[in-house]
Structure formats: structure tokens, C-alpha cells
PDB file of N, CA and C in Angstrom:
ATOM      1  N   MET A   1      -4.049  -2.134   5.816  1.00  0.00           N
ATOM      2  CA  MET A   1      -5.030  -2.945   6.392  1.00  0.00           C
ATOM      3  C   MET A   1      -4.593  -3.465   7.845  1.00  0.00           C
ATOM      4  N   ARG A   2      -3.223  -3.526   7.722  1.00  0.00           N
ATOM      5  CA  ARG A   2      -2.558  -4.108   9.053  1.00  0.00           C
ATOM      6  C   ARG A   2      -2.633  -3.089  10.317  1.00  0.00           C
ATOM      7  N   ASP A   3      -2.409  -1.910   9.818  1.00  0.00           N
ATOM      8  CA  ASP A   3      -2.399  -0.491  10.765  1.00  0.00           C
ATOM      9  C   ASP A   3      -3.917  -0.497  11.316  1.00  0.00           C
ATOM     10  N   ILE A   4      -4.882  -0.590  10.301  1.00  0.00           N
ATOM     11  CA  ILE A   4      -6.466  -0.590  10.853  1.00  0.00           C
ATOM     12  C   ILE A   4      -6.705  -1.490  11.643  1.00  0.00           C
ATOM     13  N   LEU A   5      -6.381  -2.715  11.487  1.00  0.00           N
ATOM     14  CA  LEU A   5      -6.614  -3.845  12.408  1.00  0.00           C
ATOM     15  C   LEU A   5      -5.867  -3.810  13.625  1.00  0.00           C
ATOM     16  N   ILE A   6      -4.881  -3.409  13.633  1.00  0.00           N
ATOM     17  CA  ILE A   6      -4.207  -3.125  14.920  1.00  0.00           C
ATOM     18  C   ILE A   6      -4.682  -1.749  15.771  1.00  0.00           C
ATOM     19  N   ASP A   7      -5.168  -0.915  15.030  1.00  0.00           N
ATOM     20  CA  ASP A   7      -5.759   0.291  15.757  1.00  0.00           C
ATOM     21  C   ASP A   7      -6.894  -0.138  16.311  1.00  0.00           C
ATOM     22  N   CYS A   8      -7.844  -0.864  15.720  1.00  0.00           N
ATOM     23  CA  CYS A   8      -9.110  -1.438  16.135  1.00  0.00           C
ATOM     24  C   CYS A   8      -9.049  -2.120  17.356  1.00  0.00           C
ATOM     25  N   ARG A   9      -7.927  -3.221  17.344  1.00  0.00           N
ATOM     26  CA  ARG A   9      -7.686  -3.654  18.653  1.00  0.00           C
ATOM     27  C   ARG A   9      -7.288  -2.880  19.806  1.00  0.00           C
ATOM     28  N   GLY A  10      -6.407  -1.880  19.408  1.00  0.00           N
ATOM     29  CA  GLY A  10      -5.696  -0.997  20.489  1.00  0.00           C
ATOM     30  C   GLY A  10      -6.845  -0.133  20.990  1.00  0.00           C
ATOM     31  N   LYS A  11      -7.728   0.228  20.409  1.00  0.00           N
ATOM     32  CA  LYS A  11      -9.040   1.009  20.864  1.00  0.00           C
ATOM     33  C   LYS A  11     -10.042   0.052  21.392  1.00  0.00           C
ATOM     34  N   GLY A  12      -9.915  -1.258  21.447  1.00  0.00           N
ATOM     35  CA  GLY A  12     -10.980  -1.876  22.090  1.00  0.00           C
ATOM     36  C   GLY A  12     -12.248  -2.223  21.300  1.00  0.00           C
ATOM     37  N   LEU A  13     -11.819  -1.895  20.069  1.00  0.00           N
ATOM     38  CA  LEU A  13     -13.012  -2.294  19.118  1.00  0.00           C
ATOM     39  C   LEU A  13     -13.005  -3.536  18.491  1.00  0.00           C
ATOM     40  N   ARG A  14     -13.400  -4.558  19.553  1.00  0.00           N
ATOM     41  CA  ARG A  14     -13.479  -5.995  19.201  1.00  0.00           C
ATOM     42  C   ARG A  14     -14.325  -6.228  18.070  1.00  0.00           C
ATOM     43  N   ASP A  15     -15.624  -5.870  18.021  1.00  0.00           N
ATOM     44  CA  ASP A  15     -16.543  -5.975  17.186  1.00  0.00           C
ATOM     45  C   ASP A  15     -15.993  -5.880  15.661  1.00  0.00           C
ATOM     46  N   SER A  16     -15.498  -4.485  15.493  1.00  0.00           N
ATOM     47  CA  SER A  16     -15.116  -3.799  14.377  1.00  0.00           C
ATOM     48  C   SER A  16     -13.858  -4.849  13.849  1.00  0.00           C
ATOM     49  N   SER A  17     -12.945  -5.230  14.600  1.00  0.00           N
ATOM     50  CA  SER A  17     -11.944  -6.013  14.148  1.00  0.00           C
ATOM     51  C   SER A  17     -12.205  -7.247  13.707  1.00  0.00           C
ATOM     52  N   ILE A  18     -13.231  -7.808  14.397  1.00  0.00           N
ATOM     53  CA  ILE A  18     -13.668  -9.323  14.020  1.00  0.00           C
ATOM     54  C   ILE A  18     -14.493  -9.256  12.656  1.00  0.00           C
ATOM     55  N   ALA A  19     -15.343  -8.086  12.319  1.00  0.00           N
ATOM     56  CA  ALA A  19     -15.932  -7.988  11.133  1.00  0.00           C
ATOM     57  C   ALA A  19     -14.968  -7.621  10.046  1.00  0.00           C
ATOM     58  N   LEU A  20     -13.846  -7.001  10.371  1.00  0.00           N
ATOM     59  CA  LEU A  20     -12.796  -6.865   9.451  1.00  0.00           C
ATOM     60  C   LEU A  20     -12.066  -8.228   8.948  1.00  0.00           C
ATOM     61  N   CYS A  21     -11.946  -9.069   9.930  1.00  0.00           N
ATOM     62  CA  CYS A  21     -11.362 -10.404   9.703  1.00  0.00           C
ATOM     63  C   CYS A  21     -12.428 -11.347   8.971  1.00  0.00           C
ATOM     64  N   LYS A  22     -13.641 -10.942   9.169  1.00  0.00           N
ATOM     65  CA  LYS A  22     -14.875 -11.725   8.488  1.00  0.00           C
ATOM     66  C   LYS A  22     -14.849 -11.568   7.003  1.00  0.00           C
ATOM     67  N   GLN A  23     -14.727 -10.060   6.931  1.00  0.00           N
ATOM     68  CA  GLN A  23     -14.647  -9.498   5.544  1.00  0.00           C
ATOM     69  C   GLN A  23     -13.643  -9.795   4.527  1.00  0.00           C
ATOM     70  N   ASP A  24     -12.514  -9.596   5.155  1.00  0.00           N
ATOM     71  CA  ASP A  24     -11.219 -10.029   4.312  1.00  0.00           C
ATOM     72  C   ASP A  24     -10.341 -10.939   5.141  1.00  0.00           C
ATOM     73  N   SER A  25     -10.338 -12.219   5.035  1.00  0.00           N
ATOM     74  CA  SER A  25      -9.701 -13.249   5.978  1.00  0.00           C
ATOM     75  C   SER A  25      -8.050 -12.929   5.750  1.00  0.00           C
ATOM     76  N   ALA A  26      -7.733 -12.491   4.579  1.00  0.00           N
ATOM     77  CA  ALA A  26      -6.240 -12.537   4.345  1.00  0.00           C
ATOM     78  C   ALA A  26      -5.640 -11.619   5.466  1.00  0.00           C
ATOM     79  N   VAL A  27      -6.491 -10.994   6.437  1.00  0.00           N
ATOM     80  CA  VAL A  27      -5.622 -10.086   7.518  1.00  0.00           C
ATOM     81  C   VAL A  27      -5.060 -10.878   8.571  1.00  0.00           C
ATOM     82  N   PHE A  28      -5.710 -12.128   8.366  1.00  0.00           N
ATOM     83  CA  PHE A  28      -4.862 -13.271   9.504  1.00  0.00           C
ATOM     84  C   PHE A  28      -3.477 -13.338   9.270  1.00  0.00           C
ATOM     85  N   ARG A  29      -2.801 -12.948   8.121  1.00  0.00           N
ATOM     86  CA  ARG A  29      -1.316 -12.797   8.167  1.00  0.00           C
ATOM     87  C   ARG A  29      -0.722 -11.774   8.881  1.00  0.00           C
ATOM     88  N   PHE A  30      -1.403 -10.890   9.553  1.00  0.00           N
ATOM     89  CA  PHE A  30      -1.090  -9.838  10.447  1.00  0.00           C
ATOM     90  C   PHE A  30      -1.124 -10.166  11.890  1.00  0.00           C
ATOM     91  N   ILE A  31      -1.455 -11.432  12.088  1.00  0.00           N
ATOM     92  CA  ILE A  31      -1.686 -12.062  13.637  1.00  0.00           C
ATOM     93  C   ILE A  31      -0.144 -11.726  14.200  1.00  0.00           C
ATOM     94  N   PRO A  32       1.103 -12.488  13.588  1.00  0.00           N
ATOM     95  CA  PRO A  32       2.369 -12.037  14.347  1.00  0.00           C
ATOM     96  C   PRO A  32       2.555 -10.656  14.688  1.00  0.00           C
ATOM     97  N   ASP A  33       2.471  -9.742  14.015  1.00  0.00           N
ATOM     98  CA  ASP A  33       2.522  -8.312  14.055  1.00  0.00           C
ATOM     99  C   ASP A  33       1.552  -7.839  15.168  1.00  0.00           C
ATOM    100  N   MET A  34       0.607  -8.457  15.316  1.00  0.00           N
ATOM    101  CA  MET A  34      -0.317  -8.015  16.432  1.00  0.00           C
ATOM    102  C   MET A  34       0.109  -8.789  17.959  1.00  0.00           C
ATOM    103  N   ARG A  35       0.656  -9.890  17.640  1.00  0.00           N
ATOM    104  CA  ARG A  35       1.173 -10.484  18.882  1.00  0.00           C
ATOM    105  C   ARG A  35       2.545  -9.717  19.302  1.00  0.00           C
ATOM    106  N   ARG A  36       3.092  -9.178  18.554  1.00  0.00           N
ATOM    107  CA  ARG A  36       4.339  -8.019  18.804  1.00  0.00           C
ATOM    108  C   ARG A  36       4.077  -6.873  19.191  1.00  0.00           C
ATOM    109  N   ALA A  37       2.825  -6.415  19.142  1.00  0.00           N
ATOM    110  CA  ALA A  37       2.494  -5.061  19.473  1.00  0.00           C
ATOM    111  C   ALA A  37       2.785  -4.696  20.982  1.00  0.00           C
ATOM    112  N   GLU A  38       3.025  -3.289  21.288  1.00  0.00           N
ATOM    113  CA  GLU A  38       3.218  -2.883  22.549  1.00  0.00           C
ATOM    114  C   GLU A  38       1.832  -2.568  23.201  1.00  0.00           C
ATOM    115  N   HIS A  39       0.891  -2.267  22.584  1.00  0.00           N
ATOM    116  CA  HIS A  39      -0.384  -1.895  23.209  1.00  0.00           C
ATOM    117  C   HIS A  39      -0.909  -3.170  24.090  1.00  0.00           C
ATOM    118  N   ILE A  40      -1.283  -2.975  25.249  1.00  0.00           N
ATOM    119  CA  ILE A  40      -1.959  -4.230  26.028  1.00  0.00           C
ATOM    120  C   ILE A  40      -3.038  -4.736  25.405  1.00  0.00           C
ATOM    121  N   ARG A  41      -3.920  -3.977  25.003  1.00  0.00           N
ATOM    122  CA  ARG A  41      -5.170  -4.458  24.317  1.00  0.00           C
ATOM    123  C   ARG A  41      -5.056  -5.192  23.130  1.00  0.00           C
ATOM    124  N   VAL A  42      -3.952  -5.024  22.377  1.00  0.00           N
ATOM    125  CA  VAL A  42      -3.714  -5.737  20.920  1.00  0.00           C
ATOM    126  C   VAL A  42      -3.508  -7.064  21.149  1.00  0.00           C
ATOM    127  N   ARG A  43      -2.585  -7.425  21.932  1.00  0.00           N
ATOM    128  CA  ARG A  43      -2.065  -8.872  22.104  1.00  0.00           C
ATOM    129  C   ARG A  43      -3.211  -9.916  22.542  1.00  0.00           C
ATOM    130  N   PRO A  44      -3.832  -9.577  23.597  1.00  0.00           N
ATOM    131  CA  PRO A  44      -5.038 -10.440  23.926  1.00  0.00           C
ATOM    132  C   PRO A  44      -6.117 -10.660  22.922  1.00  0.00           C
ATOM    133  N   GLY A  45      -6.267  -9.521  22.165  1.00  0.00           N
ATOM    134  CA  GLY A  45      -7.336  -9.394  21.094  1.00  0.00           C
ATOM    135  C   GLY A  45      -7.172 -10.487  20.019  1.00  0.00           C
ATOM    136  N   VAL A  46      -5.860 -11.026  19.859  1.00  0.00           N
ATOM    137  CA  VAL A  46      -5.636 -11.899  18.516  1.00  0.00           C
ATOM    138  C   VAL A  46      -6.266 -13.179  18.856  1.00  0.00           C
ATOM    139  N   THR A  47      -6.331 -13.698  20.127  1.00  0.00           N
ATOM    140  CA  THR A  47      -7.079 -14.983  20.518  1.00  0.00           C
ATOM    141  C   THR A  47      -8.344 -14.633  20.122  1.00  0.00           C
ATOM    142  N   ALA A  48      -9.085 -13.729  20.514  1.00  0.00           N
ATOM    143  CA  ALA A  48     -10.397 -13.467  20.144  1.00  0.00           C
ATOM    144  C   ALA A  48     -10.609 -13.645  18.577  1.00  0.00           C
ATOM    145  N   LEU A  49      -9.852 -12.864  18.033  1.00  0.00           N
ATOM    146  CA  LEU A  49     -10.034 -12.824  16.347  1.00  0.00           C
ATOM    147  C   LEU A  49     -10.000 -14.243  15.731  1.00  0.00           C
ATOM    148  N   VAL A  50      -9.040 -15.061  16.299  1.00  0.00           N
ATOM    149  CA  VAL A  50      -8.748 -16.520  15.689  1.00  0.00           C
ATOM    150  C   VAL A  50     -10.233 -17.334  16.395  1.00  0.00           C
ATOM    151  N   GLU A  51     -10.482 -17.023  17.286  1.00  0.00           N
ATOM    152  CA  GLU A  51     -11.542 -17.898  17.978  1.00  0.00           C
ATOM    153  C   GLU A  51     -13.084 -17.392  17.480  1.00  0.00           C
ATOM    154  N   LEU A  52     -13.312 -16.118  17.226  1.00  0.00           N
ATOM    155  CA  LEU A  52     -14.535 -15.526  17.014  1.00  0.00           C
ATOM    156  C   LEU A  52     -14.680 -15.355  15.493  1.00  0.00           C
ATOM    157  N   ALA A  53     -13.688 -15.200  14.700  1.00  0.00           N
ATOM    158  CA  ALA A  53     -13.671 -14.656  13.275  1.00  0.00           C
ATOM    159  C   ALA A  53     -13.002 -16.009  12.522  1.00  0.00           C
ATOM    160  N   PRO A  54     -13.340 -17.055  12.660  1.00  0.00           N
ATOM    161  CA  PRO A  54     -12.508 -17.965  11.857  1.00  0.00           C
ATOM    162  C   PRO A  54     -12.369 -18.082  10.713  1.00  0.00           C
ATOM    163  N   PRO A  55     -11.357 -18.120   9.853  1.00  0.00           N
ATOM    164  CA  PRO A  55     -11.387 -17.965   8.455  1.00  0.00           C
ATOM    165  C   PRO A  55     -11.664 -19.127   7.728  1.00  0.00           C
ATOM    166  N   ARG A  56     -11.803 -18.764   6.411  1.00  0.00           N
ATOM    167  CA  ARG A  56     -12.392 -19.763   5.519  1.00  0.00           C
ATOM    168  C   ARG A  56     -11.182 -20.207   4.810  1.00  0.00           C
ATOM    169  N   GLY A  57     -10.842 -21.777   4.930  1.00  0.00           N
ATOM    170  CA  GLY A  57      -9.875 -22.369   4.162  1.00  0.00           C
ATOM    171  C   GLY A  57      -8.855 -22.297   5.149  1.00  0.00           C
ATOM    172  N   ASN A  58      -7.437 -21.954   4.401  1.00  0.00           N
ATOM    173  CA  ASN A  58      -6.149 -22.174   5.191  1.00  0.00           C
ATOM    174  C   ASN A  58      -5.493 -20.794   5.707  1.00  0.00           C
ATOM    175  N   GLU A  59      -6.278 -19.556   5.588  1.00  0.00           N
ATOM    176  CA  GLU A  59      -5.852 -18.402   5.804  1.00  0.00           C
ATOM    177  C   GLU A  59      -4.793 -18.296   7.006  1.00  0.00           C
ATOM    178  N   LEU A  60      -5.290 -19.036   8.053  1.00  0.00           N
ATOM    179  CA  LEU A  60      -4.357 -18.959   9.374  1.00  0.00           C
ATOM    180  C   LEU A  60      -3.114 -19.441   9.140  1.00  0.00           C
ATOM    181  N   ARG A  61      -2.967 -20.318   8.100  1.00  0.00           N
ATOM    182  CA  ARG A  61      -1.438 -20.930   7.777  1.00  0.00           C
ATOM    183  C   ARG A  61      -0.523 -19.842   7.510  1.00  0.00           C
ATOM    184  N   THR A  62      -0.936 -18.571   6.932  1.00  0.00           N
ATOM    185  CA  THR A  62      -0.090 -17.535   6.714  1.00  0.00           C
ATOM    186  C   THR A  62       0.498 -16.977   7.885  1.00  0.00           C
ATOM    187  N   ALA A  63      -0.206 -17.287   9.079  1.00  0.00           N
ATOM    188  CA  ALA A  63       0.444 -16.620  10.313  1.00  0.00           C
ATOM    189  C   ALA A  63       1.327 -17.618  11.090  1.00  0.00           C
ATOM    190  N   VAL A  64       1.354 -18.889  10.612  1.00  0.00           N
ATOM    191  CA  VAL A  64       2.290 -19.870  11.436  1.00  0.00           C
ATOM    192  C   VAL A  64       3.890 -19.468  11.521  1.00  0.00           C
ATOM    193  N   LEU A  65       4.234 -19.114  10.247  1.00  0.00           N
ATOM    194  CA  LEU A  65       5.629 -18.796  10.160  1.00  0.00           C
ATOM    195  C   LEU A  65       6.078 -17.672  11.146  1.00  0.00           C
ATOM    196  N   GLY A  66       5.308 -16.555  11.089  1.00  0.00           N
ATOM    197  CA  GLY A  66       5.448 -15.460  12.053  1.00  0.00           C
ATOM    198  C   GLY A  66       5.428 -15.849  13.316  1.00  0.00           C
ATOM    199  N   LEU A  67       4.290 -16.611  13.706  1.00  0.00           N
ATOM    200  CA  LEU A  67       4.173 -16.845  15.070  1.00  0.00           C
ATOM    201  C   LEU A  67       5.344 -17.824  15.638  1.00  0.00           C
ATOM    202  N   THR A  68       5.740 -18.881  14.915  1.00  0.00           N
ATOM    203  CA  THR A  68       6.739 -19.445  15.306  1.00  0.00           C
ATOM    204  C   THR A  68       8.257 -18.766  15.426  1.00  0.00           C
ATOM    205  N   ALA A  69       8.273 -17.694  14.503  1.00  0.00           N
ATOM    206  CA  ALA A  69       9.527 -16.840  14.764  1.00  0.00           C
ATOM    207  C   ALA A  69       9.551 -16.134  16.009  1.00  0.00           C
ATOM    208  N   LEU A  70       8.196 -15.919  16.644  1.00  0.00           N
ATOM    209  CA  LEU A  70       8.054 -15.134  17.981  1.00  0.00           C
ATOM    210  C   LEU A  70       8.583 -15.891  19.177  1.00  0.00           C
ATOM    211  N   LEU A  71       8.589 -17.309  18.969  1.00  0.00           N
ATOM    212  CA  LEU A  71       8.933 -18.171  19.959  1.00  0.00           C
ATOM    213  C   LEU A  71      10.315 -18.042  20.430  1.00  0.00           C
ATOM    214  N   ILE A  72      11.346 -17.131  19.944  1.00  0.00           N
ATOM    215  CA  ILE A  72      12.398 -16.759  20.264  1.00  0.00           C
ATOM    216  C   ILE A  72      12.744 -15.179  20.601  1.00  0.00           C
ATOM    217  N   HIS A  73      11.234 -14.689  20.862  1.00  0.00           N
ATOM    218  CA  HIS A  73      11.183 -13.046  21.193  1.00  0.00           C
ATOM    219  C   HIS A  73      11.724 -13.068  22.912  1.00  0.00           C
ATOM    220  N   LYS A  74      12.473 -11.901  22.947  1.00  0.00           N
ATOM    221  CA  LYS A  74      12.938 -11.730  24.408  1.00  0.00           C
ATOM    222  C   LYS A  74      11.898 -11.592  25.321  1.00  0.00           C
ATOM    223  N   ASN A  75      10.867 -11.378  25.031  1.00  0.00           N
ATOM    224  CA  ASN A  75       9.653 -11.223  25.959  1.00  0.00           C
ATOM    225  C   ASN A  75       8.821 -12.508  26.270  1.00  0.00           C
ATOM    226  N   PRO A  76       8.950 -13.007  27.459  1.00  0.00           N
ATOM    227  CA  PRO A  76       8.296 -14.482  27.494  1.00  0.00           C
ATOM    228  C   PRO A  76       6.876 -14.445  27.357  1.00  0.00           C
ATOM    229  N   THR A  77       6.167 -13.117  27.693  1.00  0.00           N
ATOM    230  CA  THR A  77       4.742 -13.094  27.394  1.00  0.00           C
ATOM    231  C   THR A  77       4.358 -13.100  26.088  1.00  0.00           C
ATOM    232  N   ILE A  78       5.073 -12.512  25.109  1.00  0.00           N
ATOM    233  CA  ILE A  78       4.850 -12.570  23.632  1.00  0.00           C
ATOM    234  C   ILE A  78       5.184 -14.067  23.097  1.00  0.00           C
ATOM    235  N   ARG A  79       6.036 -14.812  23.781  1.00  0.00           N
ATOM    236  CA  ARG A  79       6.295 -16.144  23.458  1.00  0.00           C
ATOM    237  C   ARG A  79       5.330 -16.962  23.817  1.00  0.00           C
ATOM    238  N   GLY A  80       4.748 -16.733  24.881  1.00  0.00           N
ATOM    239  CA  GLY A  80       3.656 -17.678  25.619  1.00  0.00           C
ATOM    240  C   GLY A  80       2.229 -17.451  24.766  1.00  0.00           C
ATOM    241  N   ASP A  81       2.140 -15.959  24.296  1.00  0.00           N
ATOM    242  CA  ASP A  81       0.798 -15.676  23.610  1.00  0.00           C
ATOM    243  C   ASP A  81       1.021 -16.356  22.124  1.00  0.00           C
ATOM    244  N   ALA A  82       2.296 -16.406  21.640  1.00  0.00           N
ATOM    245  CA  ALA A  82       2.363 -16.901  20.200  1.00  0.00           C
ATOM    246  C   ALA A  82       2.123 -18.384  20.172  1.00  0.00           C
ATOM    247  N   ILE A  83       2.544 -18.918  21.297  1.00  0.00           N
ATOM    248  CA  ILE A  83       2.301 -20.533  21.663  1.00  0.00           C
ATOM    249  C   ILE A  83       0.955 -20.859  21.721  1.00  0.00           C
ATOM    250  N   ALA A  84       0.022 -19.948  22.573  1.00  0.00           N
ATOM    251  CA  ALA A  84      -1.285 -20.193  22.600  1.00  0.00           C
ATOM    252  C   ALA A  84      -2.075 -20.106  21.374  1.00  0.00           C
ATOM    253  N   VAL A  85      -1.756 -19.233  20.544  1.00  0.00           N
ATOM    254  CA  VAL A  85      -2.353 -19.193  19.192  1.00  0.00           C
ATOM    255  C   VAL A  85      -1.971 -20.267  18.442  1.00  0.00           C
ATOM    256  N   LEU A  86      -0.694 -20.700  18.316  1.00  0.00           N
ATOM    257  CA  LEU A  86      -0.353 -21.771  17.381  1.00  0.00           C
ATOM    258  C   LEU A  86      -1.367 -23.019  18.088  1.00  0.00           C
ATOM    259  N   GLY A  87      -1.423 -23.048  19.098  1.00  0.00           N
ATOM    260  CA  GLY A  87      -2.383 -24.197  19.566  1.00  0.00           C
ATOM    261  C   GLY A  87      -3.691 -24.195  19.132  1.00  0.00           C
ATOM    262  N   ILE A  88      -4.171 -23.126  18.854  1.00  0.00           N
ATOM    263  CA  ILE A  88      -5.571 -22.837  18.485  1.00  0.00           C
ATOM    264  C   ILE A  88      -5.622 -23.205  16.982  1.00  0.00           C
ATOM    265  N   ILE A  89      -4.504 -22.601  16.320  1.00  0.00           N
ATOM    266  CA  ILE A  89      -4.492 -22.972  14.853  1.00  0.00           C
ATOM    267  C   ILE A  89      -4.311 -24.223  14.490  1.00  0.00           C
ATOM    268  N   LYS A  90      -3.469 -25.048  15.434  1.00  0.00           N
ATOM    269  CA  LYS A  90      -3.430 -26.574  15.152  1.00  0.00           C
ATOM    270  C   LYS A  90      -2.852 -26.945  13.850  1.00  0.00           C
ATOM    271  N   ASP A  91      -1.766 -26.026  13.291  1.00  0.00           N
ATOM    272  CA  ASP A  91      -1.014 -26.534  12.171  1.00  0.00           C
ATOM    273  C   ASP A  91       0.049 -27.376  12.403  1.00  0.00           C
ATOM    274  N   GLN A  92       0.151 -28.609  11.777  1.00  0.00           N
ATOM    275  CA  GLN A  92       1.288 -29.595  12.055  1.00  0.00           C
ATOM    276  C   GLN A  92       2.598 -28.969  11.800  1.00  0.00           C
ATOM    277  N   MET A  93       2.832 -27.928  10.979  1.00  0.00           N
ATOM    278  CA  MET A  93       3.902 -27.234  10.596  1.00  0.00           C
ATOM    279  C   MET A  93       4.820 -26.694  11.985  1.00  0.00           C
ATOM    280  N   SER A  94       4.031 -26.452  12.987  1.00  0.00           N
ATOM    281  CA  SER A  94       4.359 -25.884  14.159  1.00  0.00           C
ATOM    282  C   SER A  94       4.860 -26.811  15.372  1.00  0.00           C
ATOM    283  N   LEU A  95       4.505 -28.001  14.997  1.00  0.00           N
ATOM    284  CA  LEU A  95       4.856 -29.094  16.015  1.00  0.00           C
ATOM    285  C   LEU A  95       6.234 -29.098  16.719  1.00  0.00           C
ATOM    286  N   SER A  96       7.119 -28.980  15.664  1.00  0.00           N
ATOM    287  CA  SER A  96       8.648 -29.148  16.178  1.00  0.00           C
ATOM    288  C   SER A  96       8.921 -27.923  17.047  1.00  0.00           C
ATOM    289  N   ALA A  97       8.539 -26.707  16.471  1.00  0.00           N
ATOM    290  CA  ALA A  97       8.821 -25.272  17.286  1.00  0.00           C
ATOM    291  C   ALA A  97       8.125 -25.406  18.593  1.00  0.00           C
ATOM    292  N   LEU A  98       6.914 -25.990  18.694  1.00  0.00           N
ATOM    293  CA  LEU A  98       6.274 -25.913  20.185  1.00  0.00           C
ATOM    294  C   LEU A  98       6.990 -27.029  20.847  1.00  0.00           C
ATOM    295  N   LYS A  99       7.462 -28.081  20.355  1.00  0.00           N
ATOM    296  CA  LYS A  99       8.093 -29.039  21.135  1.00  0.00           C
ATOM    297  C   LYS A  99       9.475 -28.421  21.707  1.00  0.00           C
ATOM    298  N   MET A 100      10.196 -27.518  20.900  1.00  0.00           N
ATOM    299  CA  MET A 100      11.376 -26.961  21.520  1.00  0.00           C
ATOM    300  C   MET A 100      11.187 -26.099  22.463  1.00  0.00           C
ATOM    301  N   SER A 101       9.599 -25.528  22.602  1.00  0.00           N
ATOM    302  CA  SER A 101       9.479 -24.437  23.512  1.00  0.00           C
ATOM    303  C   SER A 101       9.666 -25.086  25.056  1.00  0.00           C
ATOM    304  N   PHE A 102       9.489 -26.469  25.049  1.00  0.00           N
ATOM    305  CA  PHE A 102       9.513 -27.283  26.413  1.00  0.00           C
ATOM    306  C   PHE A 102      11.217 -26.932  27.097  1.00  0.00           C
ATOM    307  N   ARG A 103      11.961 -26.414  26.365  1.00  0.00           N
ATOM    308  CA  ARG A 103      13.313 -26.094  26.959  1.00  0.00           C
ATOM    309  C   ARG A 103      13.212 -24.559  27.122  1.00  0.00           C
ATOM    310  N   ASP A 104      12.537 -24.015  27.071  1.00  0.00           N
ATOM    311  CA  ASP A 104      12.433 -22.408  27.393  1.00  0.00           C
ATOM    312  C   ASP A 104      12.813 -22.163  28.665  1.00  0.00           C
ATOM    313  N   ASP A 105      13.316 -21.110  29.007  1.00  0.00           N
ATOM    314  CA  ASP A 105      13.865 -20.709  30.449  1.00  0.00           C
ATOM    315  C   ASP A 105      12.541 -20.321  31.299  1.00  0.00           C
ATOM    316  N   HIS A 106      11.637 -19.840  30.625  1.00  0.00           N
ATOM    317  CA  HIS A 106      10.546 -19.400  31.494  1.00  0.00           C
ATOM    318  C   HIS A 106       9.383 -20.489  31.612  1.00  0.00           C
ATOM    319  N   PRO A 107       8.905 -20.879  32.913  1.00  0.00           N
ATOM    320  CA  PRO A 107       8.127 -21.957  33.204  1.00  0.00           C
ATOM    321  C   PRO A 107       6.661 -21.462  32.621  1.00  0.00           C
ATOM    322  N   GLY A 108       6.321 -20.395  32.505  1.00  0.00           N
ATOM    323  CA  GLY A 108       4.965 -20.108  31.894  1.00  0.00           C
ATOM    324  C   GLY A 108       4.893 -20.261  30.500  1.00  0.00           C
ATOM    325  N   VAL A 109       6.006 -20.175  29.620  1.00  0.00           N
ATOM    326  CA  VAL A 109       6.286 -20.475  28.276  1.00  0.00           C
ATOM    327  C   VAL A 109       6.203 -21.906  28.103  1.00  0.00           C
ATOM    328  N   ARG A 110       6.884 -22.706  29.009  1.00  0.00           N
ATOM    329  CA  ARG A 110       6.812 -24.189  28.997  1.00  0.00           C
ATOM    330  C   ARG A 110       5.246 -24.683  29.103  1.00  0.00           C
ATOM    331  N   GLY A 111       4.807 -24.135  30.082  1.00  0.00           N
ATOM    332  CA  GLY A 111       3.278 -24.583  30.350  1.00  0.00           C
ATOM    333  C   GLY A 111       2.452 -24.237  29.152  1.00  0.00           C
ATOM    334  N   ALA A 112       2.648 -22.928  28.520  1.00  0.00           N
ATOM    335  CA  ALA A 112       1.915 -22.671  27.202  1.00  0.00           C
ATOM    336  C   ALA A 112       2.174 -23.730  26.186  1.00  0.00           C
ATOM    337  N   ALA A 113       3.301 -24.126  26.148  1.00  0.00           N
ATOM    338  CA  ALA A 113       3.687 -25.185  25.057  1.00  0.00           C
ATOM    339  C   ALA A 113       2.895 -26.645  25.497  1.00  0.00           C
ATOM    340  N   ARG A 114       2.920 -26.945  26.802  1.00  0.00           N
ATOM    341  CA  ARG A 114       2.163 -28.231  27.067  1.00  0.00           C
ATOM    342  C   ARG A 114       0.738 -27.952  26.844  1.00  0.00           C
ATOM    343  N   ASP A 115       0.186 -26.962  27.002  1.00  0.00           N
ATOM    344  CA  ASP A 115      -1.201 -26.648  26.795  1.00  0.00           C
ATOM    345  C   ASP A 115      -1.551 -26.633  25.242  1.00  0.00           C
ATOM    346  N   ALA A 116      -0.614 -26.146  24.525  1.00  0.00           N
ATOM    347  CA  ALA A 116      -0.928 -25.867  23.109  1.00  0.00           C
ATOM    348  C   ALA A 116      -0.788 -27.423  22.314  1.00  0.00           C
ATOM    349  N   LEU A 117       0.101 -28.101  22.697  1.00  0.00           N
ATOM    350  CA  LEU A 117       0.268 -29.590  22.243  1.00  0.00           C
ATOM    351  C   LEU A 117      -0.872 -30.448  22.602  1.00  0.00           C
ATOM    352  N   ALA A 118      -1.527 -30.042  23.920  1.00  0.00           N
ATOM    353  CA  ALA A 118      -2.641 -30.861  24.334  1.00  0.00           C
ATOM    354  C   ALA A 118      -3.760 -30.429  23.520  1.00  0.00           C
ATOM    355  N   GLU A 119      -3.957 -29.157  23.390  1.00  0.00           N
ATOM    356  CA  GLU A 119      -4.899 -28.544  22.277  1.00  0.00           C
ATOM    357  C   GLU A 119      -4.907 -29.326  21.058  1.00  0.00           C
ATOM    358  N   MET A 120      -3.673 -29.792  20.416  1.00  0.00           N
ATOM    359  CA  MET A 120      -3.481 -30.132  19.341  1.00  0.00           C
ATOM    360  C   MET A 120      -3.700 -31.567  19.311  1.00  0.00           C
ATOM    361  N   GLY A 121      -3.820 -32.185  20.466  1.00  0.00           N
ATOM    362  CA  GLY A 121      -3.978 -33.775  20.634  1.00  0.00           C
ATOM    363  C   GLY A 121      -2.974 -34.420  20.592  1.00  0.00           C
ATOM    364  N   ARG A 122      -1.618 -33.744  21.079  1.00  0.00           N
ATOM    365  CA  ARG A 122      -0.306 -34.384  21.013  1.00  0.00           C
ATOM    366  C   ARG A 122       0.299 -34.448  22.446  1.00  0.00           C
TER     367      ARG A 122
END
């Protein structure tokens, strides 16, 4: 299922990937894998999935741990992208990790952390 979802995003099949998430919201656990993907179309597609195919219940919580792990990734774009999705998810478990991102070396990552915390009302 993970590979199908990543392949759909990589091929630009937005509607198909959203339909897949609506059909089986358990695929939200693959969000960290998608944020780590090398293909340029995959990473931005994660935000669309979170916004356009909102899960029922707490399925997005399965992605929080993996997304917070990405906050130490060597690529600042991946760190910033993970922070943006954490801001959309608004799970309180990610607060301390987001606050630590204020110390990141990259100004874009620090800005993403400010935006995410603002999105969460913090």
C-alpha cells in the first residue's frame, strides 16, 4: 500500500492518492515515508493529502512520531516539510519537537516552526 501511494504521488495522480486515503485512512502512517521520498512530486503532495483527505478519528497520530524523527534529517527542506505537516496535524505530542526546531541552523526551518506553532495556536 505504501509503494502504491508513493507511486501515485510521484506520477502526479493527486485524485487517485486522495481516493486511496479516503478509502483506507490507515495509509496516513506512510506520511513520513512520503516526506522522505526523493521524487519532487511526492513531498509536496503530502500536504494535499492531509488537507484534502482528512482522516476519520486519530489516524494522523500514526504519522507524528515519524514526522518528528524527520526534524533531524540532513536536508532542511525535508525538516521544514515535516514541520509544516505537524502544524496541520496539530497533535500536542509534537509541541516539544517543534519548539526545538527554533534552534535549527536553517532559517527556513525556524520559520516553518514558527508558522506551525501559530497554526496550532501556540
